[in-house]
Full PDB file with SEQRES, HELIX, SHEET, SSBOND, CRYST1, ORIGX, SCALE, CONECT and MASTER records, all heavy atoms in Angstrom:
SEQRES   1 A   29  PHE PHE PRO THR LEU SER LEU HIS HIS ASP PRO LYS TYR          
SEQRES   2 A   29  PHE PRO GLU PRO GLU LYS PHE ASP PRO ASP ARG PHE ALA          
SEQRES   3 A   29  PRO GLU ASN                                                  
HELIX    1 AA1 THR A    4  HIS A    8  1                                   5    
HELIX    2 AA2 PRO A   22  PHE A   25  5                                   4    
CRYST1    1.000    1.000    1.000  90.00  90.00  90.00 P 1           1          
ORIGX1      1.000000  0.000000  0.000000        0.00000                         
ORIGX2      0.000000  1.000000  0.000000        0.00000                         
ORIGX3      0.000000  0.000000  1.000000        0.00000                         
SCALE1      1.000000  0.000000  0.000000        0.00000                         
SCALE2      0.000000  1.000000  0.000000        0.00000                         
SCALE3      0.000000  0.000000  1.000000        0.00000                         
ATOM      1  N   PHE A   1     109.427 164.228  79.025  1.00  0.00           N  
ATOM      2  CA  PHE A   1     108.735 163.746  80.214  1.00  0.00           C  
ATOM      3  C   PHE A   1     108.986 164.711  81.359  1.00  0.00           C  
ATOM      4  O   PHE A   1     110.137 165.121  81.572  1.00  0.00           O  
ATOM      5  CB  PHE A   1     109.221 162.387  80.569  1.00  0.00           C  
ATOM      6  CG  PHE A   1     108.754 161.332  79.611  1.00  0.00           C  
ATOM      7  CD1 PHE A   1     109.551 160.878  78.610  1.00  0.00           C  
ATOM      8  CD2 PHE A   1     107.472 160.718  79.748  1.00  0.00           C  
ATOM      9  CE1 PHE A   1     109.125 159.947  77.704  1.00  0.00           C  
ATOM     10  CE2 PHE A   1     107.123 159.763  78.845  1.00  0.00           C  
ATOM     11  CZ  PHE A   1     107.932 159.386  77.825  1.00  0.00           C  
ATOM     12  N   PHE A   2     107.905 165.170  82.017  1.00  0.00           N  
ATOM     13  CA  PHE A   2     108.010 166.116  83.093  1.00  0.00           C  
ATOM     14  C   PHE A   2     107.681 165.398  84.458  1.00  0.00           C  
ATOM     15  O   PHE A   2     106.592 164.877  84.613  1.00  0.00           O  
ATOM     16  CB  PHE A   2     106.985 167.270  82.909  1.00  0.00           C  
ATOM     17  CG  PHE A   2     107.245 167.994  81.637  1.00  0.00           C  
ATOM     18  CD1 PHE A   2     106.600 167.609  80.403  1.00  0.00           C  
ATOM     19  CD2 PHE A   2     108.075 169.081  81.576  1.00  0.00           C  
ATOM     20  CE1 PHE A   2     106.814 168.247  79.263  1.00  0.00           C  
ATOM     21  CE2 PHE A   2     108.292 169.784  80.397  1.00  0.00           C  
ATOM     22  CZ  PHE A   2     107.681 169.389  79.224  1.00  0.00           C  
ATOM     23  N   PRO A   3     108.631 165.352  85.345  1.00  0.00           N  
ATOM     24  CA  PRO A   3     108.425 164.613  86.626  1.00  0.00           C  
ATOM     25  C   PRO A   3     107.560 165.362  87.583  1.00  0.00           C  
ATOM     26  O   PRO A   3     108.101 166.138  88.448  1.00  0.00           O  
ATOM     27  CB  PRO A   3     109.884 164.413  87.126  1.00  0.00           C  
ATOM     28  CG  PRO A   3     110.590 165.669  86.607  1.00  0.00           C  
ATOM     29  CD  PRO A   3     109.962 166.014  85.288  1.00  0.00           C  
ATOM     30  N   THR A   4     106.234 165.177  87.507  1.00  0.00           N  
ATOM     31  CA  THR A   4     105.337 165.889  88.351  1.00  0.00           C  
ATOM     32  C   THR A   4     105.614 165.691  89.886  1.00  0.00           C  
ATOM     33  O   THR A   4     105.649 166.663  90.617  1.00  0.00           O  
ATOM     34  CB  THR A   4     103.870 165.464  88.084  1.00  0.00           C  
ATOM     35  OG1 THR A   4     103.682 165.422  86.651  1.00  0.00           O  
ATOM     36  CG2 THR A   4     102.942 166.414  88.731  1.00  0.00           C  
ATOM     37  N   LEU A   5     105.865 164.463  90.239  1.00  0.00           N  
ATOM     38  CA  LEU A   5     106.163 164.166  91.655  1.00  0.00           C  
ATOM     39  C   LEU A   5     107.385 164.913  92.114  1.00  0.00           C  
ATOM     40  O   LEU A   5     107.316 165.489  93.269  1.00  0.00           O  
ATOM     41  CB  LEU A   5     106.364 162.615  91.815  1.00  0.00           C  
ATOM     42  CG  LEU A   5     106.517 162.144  93.248  1.00  0.00           C  
ATOM     43  CD1 LEU A   5     105.333 162.393  94.098  1.00  0.00           C  
ATOM     44  CD2 LEU A   5     106.898 160.637  93.244  1.00  0.00           C  
ATOM     45  N   SER A   6     108.391 164.984  91.297  1.00  0.00           N  
ATOM     46  CA  SER A   6     109.640 165.734  91.714  1.00  0.00           C  
ATOM     47  C   SER A   6     109.406 167.231  91.851  1.00  0.00           C  
ATOM     48  O   SER A   6     109.796 167.858  92.810  1.00  0.00           O  
ATOM     49  CB  SER A   6     110.769 165.462  90.753  1.00  0.00           C  
ATOM     50  OG  SER A   6     111.094 164.096  90.685  1.00  0.00           O  
ATOM     51  N   LEU A   7     108.603 167.764  90.938  1.00  0.00           N  
ATOM     52  CA  LEU A   7     108.276 169.231  90.956  1.00  0.00           C  
ATOM     53  C   LEU A   7     107.449 169.489  92.241  1.00  0.00           C  
ATOM     54  O   LEU A   7     107.773 170.483  92.956  1.00  0.00           O  
ATOM     55  CB  LEU A   7     107.420 169.557  89.747  1.00  0.00           C  
ATOM     56  CG  LEU A   7     108.176 169.844  88.381  1.00  0.00           C  
ATOM     57  CD1 LEU A   7     107.159 169.979  87.280  1.00  0.00           C  
ATOM     58  CD2 LEU A   7     109.058 171.075  88.509  1.00  0.00           C  
ATOM     59  N   HIS A   8     106.477 168.678  92.527  1.00  0.00           N  
ATOM     60  CA  HIS A   8     105.676 168.956  93.727  1.00  0.00           C  
ATOM     61  C   HIS A   8     106.422 168.777  95.043  1.00  0.00           C  
ATOM     62  O   HIS A   8     105.896 169.232  96.094  1.00  0.00           O  
ATOM     63  CB  HIS A   8     104.423 167.983  93.653  1.00  0.00           C  
ATOM     64  CG  HIS A   8     103.488 168.370  92.646  1.00  0.00           C  
ATOM     65  ND1 HIS A   8     102.145 167.812  92.596  1.00  0.00           N  
ATOM     66  CD2 HIS A   8     103.524 169.148  91.571  1.00  0.00           C  
ATOM     67  CE1 HIS A   8     101.523 168.270  91.504  1.00  0.00           C  
ATOM     68  NE2 HIS A   8     102.328 169.132  90.916  1.00  0.00           N  
ATOM     69  N   HIS A   9     107.563 168.069  95.010  1.00  0.00           N  
ATOM     70  CA  HIS A   9     108.296 167.841  96.231  1.00  0.00           C  
ATOM     71  C   HIS A   9     109.628 168.648  96.217  1.00  0.00           C  
ATOM     72  O   HIS A   9     110.515 168.301  96.998  1.00  0.00           O  
ATOM     73  CB  HIS A   9     108.542 166.374  96.425  1.00  0.00           C  
ATOM     74  CG  HIS A   9     107.316 165.581  96.919  1.00  0.00           C  
ATOM     75  ND1 HIS A   9     107.211 165.215  98.202  1.00  0.00           N  
ATOM     76  CD2 HIS A   9     106.224 165.301  96.249  1.00  0.00           C  
ATOM     77  CE1 HIS A   9     105.996 164.568  98.325  1.00  0.00           C  
ATOM     78  NE2 HIS A   9     105.417 164.614  97.182  1.00  0.00           N  
ATOM     79  N   ASP A  10     109.738 169.592  95.267  1.00  0.00           N  
ATOM     80  CA  ASP A  10     110.949 170.372  95.258  1.00  0.00           C  
ATOM     81  C   ASP A  10     110.807 171.533  96.280  1.00  0.00           C  
ATOM     82  O   ASP A  10     109.913 172.394  96.135  1.00  0.00           O  
ATOM     83  CB  ASP A  10     111.169 170.962  93.842  1.00  0.00           C  
ATOM     84  CG  ASP A  10     112.456 171.562  93.646  1.00  0.00           C  
ATOM     85  OD1 ASP A  10     113.046 172.117  94.649  1.00  0.00           O  
ATOM     86  OD2 ASP A  10     112.939 171.653  92.483  1.00  0.00           O  
ATOM     87  N   PRO A  11     111.662 171.618  97.337  1.00  0.00           N  
ATOM     88  CA  PRO A  11     111.563 172.697  98.302  1.00  0.00           C  
ATOM     89  C   PRO A  11     111.753 174.103  97.748  1.00  0.00           C  
ATOM     90  O   PRO A  11     111.381 175.056  98.352  1.00  0.00           O  
ATOM     91  CB  PRO A  11     112.659 172.351  99.286  1.00  0.00           C  
ATOM     92  CG  PRO A  11     113.635 171.423  98.536  1.00  0.00           C  
ATOM     93  CD  PRO A  11     112.831 170.693  97.559  1.00  0.00           C  
ATOM     94  N   LYS A  12     112.284 174.147  96.474  1.00  0.00           N  
ATOM     95  CA  LYS A  12     112.416 175.434  95.832  1.00  0.00           C  
ATOM     96  C   LYS A  12     111.001 176.011  95.472  1.00  0.00           C  
ATOM     97  O   LYS A  12     110.839 177.216  95.594  1.00  0.00           O  
ATOM     98  CB  LYS A  12     113.229 175.292  94.483  1.00  0.00           C  
ATOM     99  CG  LYS A  12     113.297 176.526  93.628  1.00  0.00           C  
ATOM    100  CD  LYS A  12     114.003 176.184  92.331  1.00  0.00           C  
ATOM    101  CE  LYS A  12     114.100 177.441  91.426  1.00  0.00           C  
ATOM    102  NZ  LYS A  12     114.793 177.107  90.141  1.00  0.00           N  
ATOM    103  N   TYR A  13     110.072 175.167  95.242  1.00  0.00           N  
ATOM    104  CA  TYR A  13     108.756 175.600  94.924  1.00  0.00           C  
ATOM    105  C   TYR A  13     107.756 175.418  96.093  1.00  0.00           C  
ATOM    106  O   TYR A  13     106.839 176.227  96.295  1.00  0.00           O  
ATOM    107  CB  TYR A  13     108.199 174.838  93.723  1.00  0.00           C  
ATOM    108  CG  TYR A  13     109.098 174.931  92.508  1.00  0.00           C  
ATOM    109  CD1 TYR A  13     109.704 173.823  91.930  1.00  0.00           C  
ATOM    110  CD2 TYR A  13     109.314 176.212  91.866  1.00  0.00           C  
ATOM    111  CE1 TYR A  13     110.536 173.967  90.881  1.00  0.00           C  
ATOM    112  CE2 TYR A  13     110.131 176.339  90.773  1.00  0.00           C  
ATOM    113  CZ  TYR A  13     110.741 175.165  90.265  1.00  0.00           C  
ATOM    114  OH  TYR A  13     111.572 175.372  89.205  1.00  0.00           O  
ATOM    115  N   PHE A  14     107.967 174.376  96.896  1.00  0.00           N  
ATOM    116  CA  PHE A  14     107.101 174.126  98.024  1.00  0.00           C  
ATOM    117  C   PHE A  14     107.875 173.786  99.217  1.00  0.00           C  
ATOM    118  O   PHE A  14     108.406 172.675  99.470  1.00  0.00           O  
ATOM    119  CB  PHE A  14     106.182 172.880  97.696  1.00  0.00           C  
ATOM    120  CG  PHE A  14     105.255 173.094  96.504  1.00  0.00           C  
ATOM    121  CD1 PHE A  14     105.625 172.566  95.188  1.00  0.00           C  
ATOM    122  CD2 PHE A  14     104.151 173.839  96.565  1.00  0.00           C  
ATOM    123  CE1 PHE A  14     104.837 172.823  94.125  1.00  0.00           C  
ATOM    124  CE2 PHE A  14     103.342 174.068  95.445  1.00  0.00           C  
ATOM    125  CZ  PHE A  14     103.654 173.543  94.262  1.00  0.00           C  
ATOM    126  N   PRO A  15     108.187 174.857 100.112  1.00  0.00           N  
ATOM    127  CA  PRO A  15     108.942 174.586 101.329  1.00  0.00           C  
ATOM    128  C   PRO A  15     108.292 173.496 102.154  1.00  0.00           C  
ATOM    129  O   PRO A  15     107.125 173.353 102.211  1.00  0.00           O  
ATOM    130  CB  PRO A  15     108.888 175.926 102.023  1.00  0.00           C  
ATOM    131  CG  PRO A  15     108.567 176.928 100.938  1.00  0.00           C  
ATOM    132  CD  PRO A  15     107.707 176.248  99.928  1.00  0.00           C  
ATOM    133  N   GLU A  16     109.230 172.744 102.802  1.00  0.00           N  
ATOM    134  CA  GLU A  16     108.841 171.582 103.602  1.00  0.00           C  
ATOM    135  C   GLU A  16     107.833 170.683 102.800  1.00  0.00           C  
ATOM    136  O   GLU A  16     106.679 170.484 103.261  1.00  0.00           O  
ATOM    137  CB  GLU A  16     108.204 172.005 104.953  1.00  0.00           C  
ATOM    138  CG  GLU A  16     109.116 172.810 105.854  1.00  0.00           C  
ATOM    139  CD  GLU A  16     108.446 173.159 107.200  1.00  0.00           C  
ATOM    140  OE1 GLU A  16     108.538 172.338 108.070  1.00  0.00           O  
ATOM    141  OE2 GLU A  16     107.796 174.188 107.219  1.00  0.00           O  
ATOM    142  N   PRO A  17     108.265 170.184 101.739  1.00  0.00           N  
ATOM    143  CA  PRO A  17     107.379 169.471 100.791  1.00  0.00           C  
ATOM    144  C   PRO A  17     106.724 168.268 101.385  1.00  0.00           C  
ATOM    145  O   PRO A  17     105.658 167.817 100.944  1.00  0.00           O  
ATOM    146  CB  PRO A  17     108.263 169.068  99.617  1.00  0.00           C  
ATOM    147  CG  PRO A  17     109.664 169.094 100.135  1.00  0.00           C  
ATOM    148  CD  PRO A  17     109.654 170.170 101.171  1.00  0.00           C  
ATOM    149  N   GLU A  18     107.296 167.605 102.408  1.00  0.00           N  
ATOM    150  CA  GLU A  18     106.722 166.385 102.985  1.00  0.00           C  
ATOM    151  C   GLU A  18     105.630 166.757 104.039  1.00  0.00           C  
ATOM    152  O   GLU A  18     104.893 165.890 104.495  1.00  0.00           O  
ATOM    153  CB  GLU A  18     107.778 165.501 103.695  1.00  0.00           C  
ATOM    154  CG  GLU A  18     108.830 165.024 102.742  1.00  0.00           C  
ATOM    155  CD  GLU A  18     108.275 164.154 101.648  1.00  0.00           C  
ATOM    156  OE1 GLU A  18     107.309 163.389 101.896  1.00  0.00           O  
ATOM    157  OE2 GLU A  18     108.728 164.296 100.478  1.00  0.00           O  
ATOM    158  N   LYS A  19     105.516 167.967 104.304  1.00  0.00           N  
ATOM    159  CA  LYS A  19     104.501 168.483 105.261  1.00  0.00           C  
ATOM    160  C   LYS A  19     103.161 168.583 104.565  1.00  0.00           C  
ATOM    161  O   LYS A  19     103.077 169.218 103.472  1.00  0.00           O  
ATOM    162  CB  LYS A  19     104.888 169.782 105.939  1.00  0.00           C  
ATOM    163  CG  LYS A  19     103.924 170.320 106.944  1.00  0.00           C  
ATOM    164  CD  LYS A  19     104.436 171.689 107.506  1.00  0.00           C  
ATOM    165  CE  LYS A  19     103.381 172.235 108.516  1.00  0.00           C  
ATOM    166  NZ  LYS A  19     103.883 173.523 109.079  1.00  0.00           N  
ATOM    167  N   PHE A  20     102.055 168.098 105.163  1.00  0.00           N  
ATOM    168  CA  PHE A  20     100.710 168.272 104.626  1.00  0.00           C  
ATOM    169  C   PHE A  20     100.176 169.642 105.125  1.00  0.00           C  
ATOM    170  O   PHE A  20      99.775 169.708 106.275  1.00  0.00           O  
ATOM    171  CB  PHE A  20      99.832 167.152 105.036  1.00  0.00           C  
ATOM    172  CG  PHE A  20      98.445 167.102 104.383  1.00  0.00           C  
ATOM    173  CD1 PHE A  20      98.325 166.710 103.048  1.00  0.00           C  
ATOM    174  CD2 PHE A  20      97.354 167.602 105.036  1.00  0.00           C  
ATOM    175  CE1 PHE A  20      97.048 166.776 102.470  1.00  0.00           C  
ATOM    176  CE2 PHE A  20      96.138 167.574 104.496  1.00  0.00           C  
ATOM    177  CZ  PHE A  20      95.998 167.172 103.183  1.00  0.00           C  
ATOM    178  N   ASP A  21     100.170 170.610 104.251  1.00  0.00           N  
ATOM    179  CA  ASP A  21      99.754 171.963 104.713  1.00  0.00           C  
ATOM    180  C   ASP A  21      98.802 172.556 103.671  1.00  0.00           C  
ATOM    181  O   ASP A  21      99.223 173.179 102.724  1.00  0.00           O  
ATOM    182  CB  ASP A  21     101.039 172.858 104.847  1.00  0.00           C  
ATOM    183  CG  ASP A  21     100.687 174.239 105.310  1.00  0.00           C  
ATOM    184  OD1 ASP A  21      99.601 174.498 105.739  1.00  0.00           O  
ATOM    185  OD2 ASP A  21     101.594 175.140 105.202  1.00  0.00           O  
ATOM    186  N   PRO A  22      97.490 172.463 103.934  1.00  0.00           N  
ATOM    187  CA  PRO A  22      96.494 172.987 102.995  1.00  0.00           C  
ATOM    188  C   PRO A  22      96.611 174.506 102.809  1.00  0.00           C  
ATOM    189  O   PRO A  22      96.090 175.033 101.821  1.00  0.00           O  
ATOM    190  CB  PRO A  22      95.172 172.574 103.670  1.00  0.00           C  
ATOM    191  CG  PRO A  22      95.450 171.367 104.462  1.00  0.00           C  
ATOM    192  CD  PRO A  22      96.859 171.621 105.013  1.00  0.00           C  
ATOM    193  N   ASP A  23      97.191 175.197 103.792  1.00  0.00           N  
ATOM    194  CA  ASP A  23      97.247 176.656 103.694  1.00  0.00           C  
ATOM    195  C   ASP A  23      98.192 177.073 102.666  1.00  0.00           C  
ATOM    196  O   ASP A  23      98.249 178.312 102.363  1.00  0.00           O  
ATOM    197  CB  ASP A  23      97.616 177.236 105.039  1.00  0.00           C  
ATOM    198  CG  ASP A  23      96.439 177.238 106.032  1.00  0.00           C  
ATOM    199  OD1 ASP A  23      95.268 177.322 105.566  1.00  0.00           O  
ATOM    200  OD2 ASP A  23      96.674 177.092 107.270  1.00  0.00           O  
ATOM    201  N   ARG A  24      98.962 176.203 102.065  1.00  0.00           N  
ATOM    202  CA  ARG A  24      99.796 176.600 100.908  1.00  0.00           C  
ATOM    203  C   ARG A  24      98.919 177.185  99.813  1.00  0.00           C  
ATOM    204  O   ARG A  24      99.313 177.979  98.978  1.00  0.00           O  
ATOM    205  CB  ARG A  24     100.491 175.385 100.268  1.00  0.00           C  
ATOM    206  CG  ARG A  24     101.509 174.702 101.110  1.00  0.00           C  
ATOM    207  CD  ARG A  24     102.091 173.502 100.348  1.00  0.00           C  
ATOM    208  NE  ARG A  24     102.658 172.483 101.249  1.00  0.00           N  
ATOM    209  CZ  ARG A  24     103.928 172.563 101.560  1.00  0.00           C  
ATOM    210  NH1 ARG A  24     104.680 173.503 101.176  1.00  0.00           N  
ATOM    211  NH2 ARG A  24     104.466 171.563 102.386  1.00  0.00           N  
ATOM    212  N   PHE A  25      97.653 176.643  99.744  1.00  0.00           N  
ATOM    213  CA  PHE A  25      96.749 177.019  98.672  1.00  0.00           C  
ATOM    214  C   PHE A  25      95.597 178.032  99.163  1.00  0.00           C  
ATOM    215  O   PHE A  25      94.592 178.176  98.499  1.00  0.00           O  
ATOM    216  CB  PHE A  25      96.076 175.749  98.080  1.00  0.00           C  
ATOM    217  CG  PHE A  25      97.066 174.908  97.343  1.00  0.00           C  
ATOM    218  CD1 PHE A  25      97.740 173.895  98.030  1.00  0.00           C  
ATOM    219  CD2 PHE A  25      97.398 175.099  96.054  1.00  0.00           C  
ATOM    220  CE1 PHE A  25      98.680 173.073  97.386  1.00  0.00           C  
ATOM    221  CE2 PHE A  25      98.310 174.295  95.428  1.00  0.00           C  
ATOM    222  CZ  PHE A  25      98.991 173.283  96.089  1.00  0.00           C  
ATOM    223  N   ALA A  26      95.873 178.590 100.287  1.00  0.00           N  
ATOM    224  CA  ALA A  26      94.954 179.697 100.748  1.00  0.00           C  
ATOM    225  C   ALA A  26      95.026 180.866  99.743  1.00  0.00           C  
ATOM    226  O   ALA A  26      96.040 181.034  99.135  1.00  0.00           O  
ATOM    227  CB  ALA A  26      95.337 180.122 102.193  1.00  0.00           C  
ATOM    228  N   PRO A  27      93.929 181.611  99.638  1.00  0.00           N  
ATOM    229  CA  PRO A  27      93.911 182.721  98.633  1.00  0.00           C  
ATOM    230  C   PRO A  27      95.082 183.657  98.696  1.00  0.00           C  
ATOM    231  O   PRO A  27      95.617 184.130  97.708  1.00  0.00           O  
ATOM    232  CB  PRO A  27      92.597 183.388  98.936  1.00  0.00           C  
ATOM    233  CG  PRO A  27      91.725 182.306  99.462  1.00  0.00           C  
ATOM    234  CD  PRO A  27      92.588 181.469 100.291  1.00  0.00           C  
ATOM    235  N   GLU A  28      95.468 183.964  99.964  1.00  0.00           N  
ATOM    236  CA  GLU A  28      96.603 184.878 100.129  1.00  0.00           C  
ATOM    237  C   GLU A  28      97.974 184.346  99.744  1.00  0.00           C  
ATOM    238  O   GLU A  28      98.977 185.013  99.647  1.00  0.00           O  
ATOM    239  CB  GLU A  28      96.628 185.429 101.578  1.00  0.00           C  
ATOM    240  CG  GLU A  28      96.952 184.337 102.642  1.00  0.00           C  
ATOM    241  CD  GLU A  28      95.670 183.653 103.154  1.00  0.00           C  
ATOM    242  OE1 GLU A  28      94.621 183.746 102.455  1.00  0.00           O  
ATOM    243  OE2 GLU A  28      95.787 183.019 104.258  1.00  0.00           O  
ATOM    244  N   ASN A  29      98.059 183.006  99.490  1.00  0.00           N  
ATOM    245  CA  ASN A  29      99.341 182.393  99.254  1.00  0.00           C  
ATOM    246  C   ASN A  29      99.422 181.900  97.805  1.00  0.00           C  
ATOM    247  O   ASN A  29     100.447 181.381  97.373  1.00  0.00           O  
ATOM    248  CB  ASN A  29      99.551 181.145 100.178  1.00  0.00           C  
ATOM    249  CG  ASN A  29      99.743 181.597 101.591  1.00  0.00           C  
ATOM    250  OD1 ASN A  29     100.314 182.630 101.802  1.00  0.00           O  
ATOM    251  ND2 ASN A  29      99.345 180.705 102.528  1.00  0.00           N  
TER     252      ASN A  29                                                      
MASTER        0    0    0    2    0    0    0    6  251    1    0    3          
END                                                                             
């Protein structure tokens, strides 16, 4: 079992995970 929610909220992969920031997925990022 892979904990998707934990991965998506891991600051190692997504800094400030509780922040709603669409620019994480901008082409340059």
